[in-house]
């Protein structure tokens, strides 16, 4: 099973492991991009980052961390956009849910987000729903 139950999400974060969620496509047909959100463990509070990268992948190149940032003019975008911080793991998940529409039942362990991207590529890069029928969230910039 790819998706983590809430208890496993919280356990991973408490053990110092990040969790991620693929959020689907962005950009245009001429300049496609993809988004994913990450709850990262730090020595202080948990940090929630939105990553927006160019969609330069293929079935043989799925490593999202190697993709160039979508907004090349913004140095911070190379590391992701900090959406918020929280002292508790559950509060960090809520930041992701509120800011970018993350779903509690769609978190994966760090690195597995590239498998989600692979499914997206193999399905022909659908623009409205994920390959398993989940509607891509609409991300509003604040």
Protein backbone atom coordinates (compact mmCIF):
# COMPACT_ATOMS: atom_id res chain seq x y z
CA UNK A 1 0.00 0.00 0.00
CA UNK A 2 1.52 3.29 -1.14
CA UNK A 3 -0.47 5.78 0.94
CA UNK A 4 0.21 6.11 4.64
CA UNK A 5 -2.46 5.84 7.31
CA UNK A 6 -2.47 8.84 9.63
CA UNK A 7 -0.73 6.92 12.41
CA UNK A 8 2.11 6.01 10.01
CA UNK A 9 2.39 9.61 8.77
CA UNK A 10 2.73 10.89 12.33
CA UNK A 11 5.11 8.07 13.23
CA UNK A 12 7.37 8.81 10.26
CA UNK A 13 7.52 12.49 11.16
CA UNK A 14 8.24 11.75 14.82
CA UNK A 15 11.10 9.47 13.71
CA UNK A 16 12.60 12.30 11.67
CA UNK A 17 11.37 11.18 8.23
CA UNK A 18 9.75 13.58 5.78
CA UNK A 19 6.44 12.82 4.05
CA UNK A 20 5.36 14.07 0.64
CA UNK A 21 2.29 14.36 -1.55
CA UNK A 22 2.08 14.75 -5.33
CA UNK A 23 -0.31 17.59 -6.22
CA UNK A 24 -0.39 17.29 -9.99
CA UNK A 25 0.28 19.51 -12.96
CA UNK A 26 0.67 23.26 -13.27
CA UNK A 27 1.82 25.65 -15.95
CA UNK A 28 0.72 25.34 -19.56
CA UNK A 29 1.07 22.94 -22.47
CA UNK A 30 3.94 25.07 -23.73
CA UNK A 31 5.65 25.11 -20.33
CA UNK A 32 4.44 22.25 -18.13
CA UNK A 33 5.23 21.90 -14.47
CA UNK A 34 4.27 19.70 -11.53
CA UNK A 35 3.78 20.33 -7.83
CA UNK A 36 4.29 18.39 -4.65
CA UNK A 37 4.17 19.27 -0.98
CA UNK A 38 6.55 18.08 1.72
CA UNK A 39 6.45 18.10 5.49
CA UNK A 40 10.09 18.27 6.49
CA UNK A 41 11.53 17.48 9.89
CA UNK A 42 13.99 20.00 11.34
CA UNK A 43 15.69 20.48 14.69
CA UNK A 44 12.98 23.03 15.45
CA UNK A 45 9.41 23.03 14.18
CA UNK A 46 8.14 20.91 11.30
CA UNK A 47 8.33 22.83 8.02
CA UNK A 48 5.87 22.57 5.14
CA UNK A 49 7.22 23.25 1.64
CA UNK A 50 5.55 23.50 -1.75
CA UNK A 51 7.80 22.36 -4.60
CA UNK A 52 6.95 23.54 -8.11
CA UNK A 53 9.25 22.13 -10.78
CA UNK A 54 9.42 21.94 -14.56
CA UNK A 55 7.89 18.75 -15.90
CA UNK A 56 10.99 17.45 -17.67
CA UNK A 57 10.55 13.81 -16.74
CA UNK A 58 9.80 10.64 -18.63
CA UNK A 59 9.10 7.02 -17.78
CA UNK A 60 12.85 6.56 -17.32
CA UNK A 61 13.49 9.85 -15.46
CA UNK A 62 11.16 10.28 -12.47
CA UNK A 63 13.38 11.89 -9.82
CA UNK A 64 11.46 15.09 -9.04
CA UNK A 65 14.23 16.41 -6.81
CA UNK A 66 16.45 16.64 -9.91
CA UNK A 67 13.92 18.66 -11.93
CA UNK A 68 14.69 22.38 -12.31
CA UNK A 69 12.51 24.86 -10.40
CA UNK A 70 9.55 26.16 -12.37
CA UNK A 71 10.25 29.78 -11.41
CA UNK A 72 13.90 30.11 -12.36
CA UNK A 73 13.99 33.76 -11.32
CA UNK A 74 13.27 32.96 -7.67
CA UNK A 75 16.30 31.53 -5.85
CA UNK A 76 14.13 30.30 -2.96
CA UNK A 77 12.05 28.16 -5.32
CA UNK A 78 15.04 25.85 -5.77
CA UNK A 79 14.45 24.64 -2.20
CA UNK A 80 10.67 24.99 -2.25
CA UNK A 81 8.30 27.66 -0.98
CA UNK A 82 7.96 27.59 2.80
CA UNK A 83 4.21 27.48 3.45
CA UNK A 84 4.40 27.37 7.22
CA UNK A 85 5.81 25.76 10.32
CA UNK A 86 4.24 23.82 13.18
CA UNK A 87 5.45 22.40 16.47
CA UNK A 88 3.42 19.19 16.11
CA UNK A 89 3.23 16.81 13.13
CA UNK A 90 -0.57 16.89 12.94
CA UNK A 91 -0.52 20.69 12.81
CA UNK A 92 2.02 20.55 9.96
CA UNK A 93 -0.32 18.30 7.96
CA UNK A 94 -3.10 20.80 8.57
CA UNK A 95 -0.91 23.60 7.18
CA UNK A 96 -0.51 21.58 3.96
CA UNK A 97 -4.24 20.85 3.82
CA UNK A 98 -5.21 24.48 4.31
CA UNK A 99 -2.59 26.08 2.07
CA UNK A 100 -2.42 23.71 -0.91
CA UNK A 101 -5.34 21.30 -0.61
CA UNK A 102 -3.33 18.25 0.49
CA UNK A 103 -5.44 15.25 1.44
CA UNK A 104 -4.79 13.29 4.63
CA UNK A 105 -5.14 9.95 2.86
CA UNK A 106 -2.62 10.66 0.06
CA UNK A 107 0.68 11.13 1.92
CA UNK A 108 3.64 8.90 1.03
CA UNK A 109 7.08 8.36 2.48
CA UNK A 110 9.88 10.57 1.22
CA UNK A 111 10.97 9.52 -2.27
CA UNK A 112 7.76 7.66 -3.10
CA UNK A 113 6.32 10.85 -4.59
CA UNK A 114 8.33 10.01 -7.71
CA UNK A 115 6.24 6.84 -8.07
CA UNK A 116 3.15 9.05 -8.01
CA UNK A 117 4.73 11.17 -10.72
CA UNK A 118 5.49 8.00 -12.70
CA UNK A 119 1.82 7.01 -12.60
CA UNK A 120 0.97 10.53 -13.80
CA UNK A 121 3.39 10.24 -16.74
CA UNK A 122 2.21 6.74 -17.73
CA UNK A 123 -1.42 7.95 -17.64
CA UNK A 124 -0.62 10.65 -20.21
CA UNK A 125 -0.25 13.55 -17.73
CA UNK A 126 -3.97 14.08 -17.02
CA UNK A 127 -4.79 17.70 -16.20
CA UNK A 128 -7.98 17.36 -14.17
CA UNK A 129 -7.70 14.19 -12.07
CA UNK A 130 -4.98 11.82 -10.91
CA UNK A 131 -4.64 8.41 -12.57
CA UNK A 132 -6.75 6.93 -9.73
CA UNK A 133 -9.51 9.55 -10.04
CA UNK A 134 -8.56 12.04 -7.30
CA UNK A 135 -9.22 15.64 -8.35
CA UNK A 136 -6.03 17.72 -8.39
CA UNK A 137 -6.20 20.47 -5.75
CA UNK A 138 -6.45 24.09 -6.80
CA UNK A 139 -3.62 25.97 -5.16
CA UNK A 140 -4.29 29.56 -4.28
CA UNK A 141 -1.25 31.77 -3.70
CA UNK A 142 -1.45 33.98 -0.61
